[in-house]
Each structure stands twice: as C-alpha cells, then as structure tokens.
N, C-alpha and C. Protein backbone atom coordinates (compact mmCIF):
# COMPACT_ATOMS: atom_id res chain seq x y z
N MET A 1 -10.35 5.29 5.03
CA MET A 1 -9.22 3.71 4.43
C MET A 1 -8.63 3.80 5.57
N MET A 2 -8.81 2.34 5.73
CA MET A 2 -8.44 1.90 7.08
C MET A 2 -6.95 1.26 6.81
N LEU A 3 -5.98 1.16 7.50
CA LEU A 3 -4.60 0.84 7.61
C LEU A 3 -4.42 -0.62 8.51
N ASN A 4 -4.19 -1.76 7.50
CA ASN A 4 -4.19 -2.90 8.27
C ASN A 4 -2.55 -3.01 8.34
N VAL A 5 -2.02 -3.52 10.06
CA VAL A 5 -0.88 -3.68 10.72
C VAL A 5 -0.97 -4.29 11.60
N PHE A 6 0.42 -5.34 11.62
CA PHE A 6 0.45 -6.71 12.40
C PHE A 6 -1.11 -7.35 12.06
N ASP A 7 -1.67 -7.34 10.68
CA ASP A 7 -2.62 -8.11 10.97
C ASP A 7 -2.16 -9.99 10.32
N ASP A 8 -1.25 -10.09 10.25
CA ASP A 8 -1.03 -11.92 10.05
C ASP A 8 0.39 -12.14 10.32
N ARG A 9 0.42 -13.32 11.26
CA ARG A 9 1.48 -13.72 12.03
C ARG A 9 3.06 -13.25 11.43
N ARG A 10 2.84 -14.55 10.22
CA ARG A 10 3.95 -14.55 9.68
C ARG A 10 4.45 -13.92 8.60
N GLY A 11 3.54 -13.10 8.02
CA GLY A 11 3.77 -11.98 7.25
C GLY A 11 4.51 -10.30 8.19
N THR A 12 3.56 -10.55 9.00
CA THR A 12 4.26 -9.41 9.99
C THR A 12 5.94 -9.32 10.91
N VAL A 13 5.66 -10.71 11.03
CA VAL A 13 7.48 -10.97 11.72
C VAL A 13 8.31 -11.09 10.64
N PHE A 14 7.70 -11.48 9.42
CA PHE A 14 8.80 -11.62 8.67
C PHE A 14 9.06 -10.24 8.30
N HIS A 15 7.88 -9.21 7.80
CA HIS A 15 8.32 -7.90 7.37
C HIS A 15 9.48 -6.98 8.84
N VAL A 16 8.53 -7.52 10.40
CA VAL A 16 9.47 -6.68 11.28
C VAL A 16 11.10 -7.37 11.46
N ALA A 17 11.20 -8.37 10.95
CA ALA A 17 12.67 -8.96 10.63
C ALA A 17 13.22 -8.36 10.01
N ALA A 18 12.66 -8.42 8.50
CA ALA A 18 13.43 -7.67 7.61
C ALA A 18 13.52 -6.37 7.30
N GLY A 19 12.88 -5.63 8.40
CA GLY A 19 13.28 -4.66 9.03
C GLY A 19 14.72 -4.01 9.78
N GLY A 20 14.86 -4.96 10.95
CA GLY A 20 15.77 -5.13 11.74
C GLY A 20 17.52 -5.57 10.71
N LEU A 21 17.07 -6.60 9.82
CA LEU A 21 18.08 -7.01 8.94
C LEU A 21 18.40 -5.97 8.40
N THR A 22 17.84 -5.19 7.87
CA THR A 22 18.10 -3.68 7.35
C THR A 22 19.41 -3.14 7.91
N TYR A 23 19.66 -2.74 9.16
CA TYR A 23 20.19 -2.02 10.28
C TYR A 23 21.46 -2.83 9.43
N ILE A 24 21.47 -4.21 9.81
CA ILE A 24 23.20 -5.05 9.80
C ILE A 24 23.57 -4.89 8.28
N PHE A 25 22.68 -5.28 7.02
CA PHE A 25 22.25 -5.45 5.64
C PHE A 25 21.74 -4.63 4.55
N PRO A 26 22.05 -3.04 4.80
CA PRO A 26 21.04 -2.07 3.95
C PRO A 26 20.67 -2.40 2.51
N THR A 27 21.23 -3.35 2.06
CA THR A 27 20.94 -4.44 0.73
C THR A 27 19.40 -4.46 1.03
N MET A 28 19.19 -5.04 2.43
CA MET A 28 17.41 -5.65 2.76
C MET A 28 16.56 -4.73 2.66
N PHE A 29 16.87 -3.03 2.06
CA PHE A 29 15.92 -2.41 1.73
C PHE A 29 15.51 -2.75 0.50
N VAL A 30 16.36 -2.46 -0.27
CA VAL A 30 16.40 -2.91 -1.72
C VAL A 30 15.83 -4.22 -1.81
N ILE A 31 16.01 -5.34 -1.50
CA ILE A 31 15.57 -6.56 -1.77
C ILE A 31 13.68 -6.63 -0.97
N PHE A 32 13.90 -5.79 -0.19
CA PHE A 32 12.29 -5.93 0.48
C PHE A 32 11.20 -5.31 -0.34
N PHE A 33 11.52 -3.93 -0.76
CA PHE A 33 10.78 -3.33 -1.68
C PHE A 33 10.60 -4.24 -3.07
N ALA A 34 11.88 -5.09 -3.22
CA ALA A 34 11.45 -5.61 -4.87
C ALA A 34 10.38 -6.79 -4.33
N TYR A 35 10.49 -7.39 -3.24
CA TYR A 35 9.67 -8.58 -3.16
C TYR A 35 8.04 -7.76 -2.82
N GLU A 36 8.36 -7.02 -2.29
CA GLU A 36 6.92 -6.29 -2.18
C GLU A 36 6.27 -5.89 -3.15
N PHE A 37 7.57 -5.15 -4.70
CA PHE A 37 6.68 -4.80 -5.60
C PHE A 37 6.20 -5.92 -6.74
N VAL A 38 6.78 -7.23 -6.78
CA VAL A 38 6.43 -8.32 -7.05
C VAL A 38 5.28 -8.89 -6.82
N GLU A 39 5.27 -9.03 -5.20
CA GLU A 39 3.72 -9.25 -4.57
C GLU A 39 2.69 -8.46 -4.62
N HIS A 40 2.85 -7.70 -4.81
CA HIS A 40 1.46 -6.40 -4.61
C HIS A 40 1.55 -6.56 -6.42
N ILE A 41 2.21 -6.40 -7.43
CA ILE A 41 2.05 -6.28 -9.17
C ILE A 41 1.63 -7.65 -9.22
N TYR A 42 2.35 -8.43 -9.11
CA TYR A 42 2.60 -9.57 -10.24
C TYR A 42 2.19 -10.98 -9.34
N LEU A 43 1.99 -11.22 -8.22
CA LEU A 43 1.83 -12.22 -7.43
C LEU A 43 0.23 -12.39 -7.35
N LYS A 44 -0.19 -10.87 -6.13
CA LYS A 44 -1.89 -11.22 -5.71
C LYS A 44 -2.62 -10.03 -6.77
N GLY A 45 -1.89 -9.17 -7.66
CA GLY A 45 -2.53 -8.24 -8.41
C GLY A 45 -3.43 -7.36 -7.73
N ALA A 46 -4.98 -8.42 -7.05
CA ALA A 46 -5.93 -8.33 -6.68
C ALA A 46 -5.53 -7.33 -4.47
N GLU A 47 -3.93 -7.56 -4.43
CA GLU A 47 -4.20 -6.74 -3.35
C GLU A 47 -3.72 -5.30 -3.07
N ARG A 48 -5.02 -4.67 -1.84
CA ARG A 48 -5.33 -3.33 -2.52
C ARG A 48 -3.83 -2.59 -1.94
N GLU A 49 -3.86 -1.14 -1.73
CA GLU A 49 -2.78 -0.78 -1.55
C GLU A 49 -2.31 -0.34 0.19
N VAL A 50 -3.80 -0.89 0.07
CA VAL A 50 -3.71 -0.53 2.13
C VAL A 50 -2.77 -1.78 2.89
N ASN A 51 -3.03 -3.17 2.32
CA ASN A 51 -2.17 -3.92 2.56
C ASN A 51 -0.61 -3.52 2.04
N PHE A 52 -0.18 -3.38 1.07
CA PHE A 52 1.25 -2.82 0.78
C PHE A 52 1.75 -1.69 1.92
N LEU A 53 0.79 -0.57 2.03
CA LEU A 53 1.21 0.50 3.04
C LEU A 53 1.15 -0.50 4.29
N GLY A 54 0.64 -1.22 4.65
CA GLY A 54 0.65 -1.96 5.79
C GLY A 54 1.74 -2.85 6.17
N ASP A 55 2.53 -3.49 5.06
CA ASP A 55 3.52 -3.88 5.26
C ASP A 55 4.71 -3.07 5.08
N VAL A 56 4.83 -1.93 4.63
CA VAL A 56 5.86 -1.16 4.74
C VAL A 56 5.82 -0.30 5.97
N PHE A 57 4.97 -0.51 6.56
CA PHE A 57 4.74 0.44 8.02
C PHE A 57 5.58 -0.83 8.96
N GLU A 58 5.18 -1.91 8.68
CA GLU A 58 5.77 -3.32 9.31
C GLU A 58 6.89 -3.07 9.28
N PHE A 59 7.54 -2.81 8.03
CA PHE A 59 8.66 -3.12 8.02
C PHE A 59 9.62 -1.57 8.65
N SER A 60 8.87 -0.46 8.26
CA SER A 60 9.74 0.55 9.11
C SER A 60 9.60 0.55 10.21
N PHE A 61 8.79 -0.35 10.93
CA PHE A 61 9.16 -0.13 12.11
C PHE A 61 10.03 -1.18 12.88
N GLY A 62 10.33 -2.55 12.23
CA GLY A 62 11.21 -3.45 12.20
C GLY A 62 12.85 -2.20 12.55
N VAL A 63 13.06 -1.26 11.16
CA VAL A 63 14.60 -0.72 11.25
C VAL A 63 14.33 0.21 12.39
N MET A 64 13.29 0.85 12.94
CA MET A 64 13.14 2.04 13.25
C MET A 64 13.95 1.62 15.56
N LEU A 65 13.14 0.10 15.12
CA LEU A 65 13.19 -0.80 16.41
C LEU A 65 14.65 -0.76 16.39
N MET A 66 15.21 -1.72 15.21
CA MET A 66 16.37 -1.74 15.63
C MET A 66 17.50 -1.22 15.82
N LEU A 67 16.84 0.49 15.45
CA LEU A 67 17.83 1.34 15.25
C LEU A 67 18.66 1.81 16.48
N LEU A 68 16.72 2.18 16.96
CA LEU A 68 16.84 2.61 18.63
C LEU A 68 17.75 1.83 19.41
N LEU A 69 17.33 0.31 19.28
CA LEU A 69 17.98 -0.76 20.02
C LEU A 69 19.45 -1.22 20.06
N ALA A 70 19.86 -0.93 18.70
CA ALA A 70 21.28 -0.95 18.42
C ALA A 70 22.37 0.37 19.03
N LYS A 71 21.94 1.37 18.38
CA LYS A 71 22.34 2.42 19.15
C LYS A 71 22.46 2.66 20.70
N MET A 72 21.10 2.05 21.21
CA MET A 72 21.16 2.46 22.78
C MET A 72 22.07 1.14 23.69
N LEU A 73 21.63 0.06 22.96
CA LEU A 73 22.03 -0.89 23.60
C LEU A 73 23.34 -1.53 22.98
N GLY A 74 24.12 -1.38 22.19
CA GLY A 74 24.85 -2.30 20.72
C GLY A 74 24.41 -3.76 20.88
N CYS A 75 25.35 -4.54 21.14
CA CYS A 75 24.61 -5.69 20.46
C CYS A 75 23.79 -6.72 21.93
N ALA A 76 23.68 -5.87 22.60
CA ALA A 76 22.48 -6.64 23.52
C ALA A 76 21.15 -6.14 23.11
N GLY A 77 21.40 -5.01 22.25
CA GLY A 77 19.90 -4.44 21.48
C GLY A 77 19.58 -5.30 20.52
N MET A 78 20.65 -5.92 19.79
CA MET A 78 20.44 -7.18 18.75
C MET A 78 20.14 -7.97 19.45
N ILE A 79 20.37 -8.63 20.21
CA ILE A 79 19.80 -9.53 20.92
C ILE A 79 18.10 -9.25 21.50
N LEU A 80 17.70 -8.52 22.26
CA LEU A 80 16.14 -7.80 22.56
C LEU A 80 15.29 -7.71 21.43
N PHE A 81 16.13 -7.09 19.85
CA PHE A 81 15.44 -7.60 18.80
C PHE A 81 15.02 -8.92 18.60
N ALA A 82 15.94 -9.68 18.91
CA ALA A 82 15.81 -11.18 18.68
C ALA A 82 14.46 -11.71 19.69
N VAL A 83 14.47 -11.59 20.49
CA VAL A 83 13.31 -12.01 22.00
C VAL A 83 12.39 -10.81 21.43
N PHE A 84 12.06 -9.43 20.68
CA PHE A 84 11.10 -9.03 20.63
C PHE A 84 10.59 -9.87 19.48
N LEU A 85 11.06 -10.34 18.68
CA LEU A 85 10.33 -10.99 17.44
C LEU A 85 10.11 -12.29 17.75
N ILE A 86 10.49 -13.20 19.07
CA ILE A 86 9.83 -14.46 19.58
C ILE A 86 8.74 -14.36 20.01
N VAL A 87 8.68 -13.07 21.17
CA VAL A 87 7.25 -12.63 21.92
C VAL A 87 6.67 -12.37 20.66
N LEU A 88 6.88 -11.18 19.93
CA LEU A 88 5.66 -11.14 18.79
C LEU A 88 4.74 -12.25 17.83
N TRP A 89 5.72 -12.99 18.34
CA TRP A 89 5.64 -14.61 17.23
C TRP A 89 4.64 -15.01 17.73
N ILE A 90 4.81 -15.46 19.24
CA ILE A 90 3.99 -16.09 20.42
C ILE A 90 2.82 -15.05 20.59
N LEU A 91 2.30 -14.07 20.79
CA LEU A 91 1.97 -13.24 21.36
C LEU A 91 0.64 -13.10 20.11
N MET A 92 1.03 -13.44 18.88
CA MET A 92 0.09 -12.69 17.56
C MET A 92 -0.51 -14.54 17.56
N GLY A 93 0.64 -15.70 18.30
CA GLY A 93 -0.24 -16.99 17.67
C GLY A 93 -1.43 -17.14 18.55
N ARG A 94 -0.87 -16.67 19.64
CA ARG A 94 -2.24 -16.43 20.82
C ARG A 94 -3.19 -15.57 20.62
N TRP A 95 -3.27 -14.31 19.93
CA TRP A 95 -4.21 -13.83 19.17
C TRP A 95 -4.97 -13.96 18.34
N ASP A 96 -4.29 -15.01 17.39
CA ASP A 96 -5.09 -15.51 16.21
C ASP A 96 -5.56 -16.94 16.48
N HIS A 97 -5.12 -17.34 17.61
CA HIS A 97 -6.08 -18.51 18.05
C HIS A 97 -7.26 -18.25 18.77
N GLU A 98 -7.27 -16.65 19.79
CA GLU A 98 -8.11 -16.82 19.96
C GLU A 98 -9.26 -16.41 19.13
N LEU A 99 -9.12 -14.93 18.35
CA LEU A 99 -9.46 -14.44 17.42
C LEU A 99 -10.55 -15.74 16.77
N ARG A 100 -9.61 -16.95 16.08
CA ARG A 100 -10.39 -17.68 15.43
C ARG A 100 -11.44 -18.73 16.51
N LYS A 101 -10.84 -18.98 17.75
CA LYS A 101 -12.09 -19.54 18.80
C LYS A 101 -13.53 -18.85 18.59
N ASN A 102 -13.18 -17.05 18.68
CA ASN A 102 -14.52 -16.33 19.03
C ASN A 102 -15.05 -16.23 17.71
N THR A 103 -14.43 -16.64 16.52
CA THR A 103 -15.52 -16.50 15.55
C THR A 103 -16.32 -17.84 15.14
N ARG A 104 -15.63 -18.88 15.85
CA ARG A 104 -16.39 -19.94 15.67
C ARG A 104 -17.80 -20.15 16.47
N GLU A 105 -17.43 -19.54 17.42
CA GLU A 105 -18.77 -19.29 18.46
C GLU A 105 -20.17 -18.38 18.25
C-alpha cells in the first residue's frame, strides 16, 4: 500500500493550514475530522483509505510544524508557518506544472 502525501496542491495546503490552525483553535481538530469523514464516506464514496490516511498525515504534519515553530519562536514562528504555506503553494504549483508538461510530451 502506497501512501499518497502532498499529491494535490489545494488539498495539501488546506490540510497543512488546518493542522496549523489547530494550535490556535483546538476545535479545528474536530472540524477537520468531521470534514474528512463526510468527504470519505458521503461525497466521494470511492475514495480509498490511502487517500484518507494521506490527508490525515498532511494535517498531522501541519499540527507538528506549527507546534514546533510556535513553541520555539513564538509569534515569529506563526509568521514563519504562514510563509511556509505560501512557499508550499508556489512550489507545488511549479511541480504540478512540470508534471503536466512532462506528461504531454
């Protein structure tokens, strides 16, 4: 079983950001898992467990990164986390663009 992590731009950034927000708003944990439950069971139905586990991993990565940065650097860590999300968005866009370009050839 291969775990799909950091596989889609919008979803990945959302999951990591939701994990980071959990540090500030702990109820985000419940909201995220309710969203994942609805997405997995009702909306997509055919979504495999591997995708669900990948989403949970991305969320957990966001929680861990925000926790480390905020505890070590305080408010500067939260700003650094936001910068990380922006850089992740840009890099994943370039990676996705390169992937699509290579599949056309």
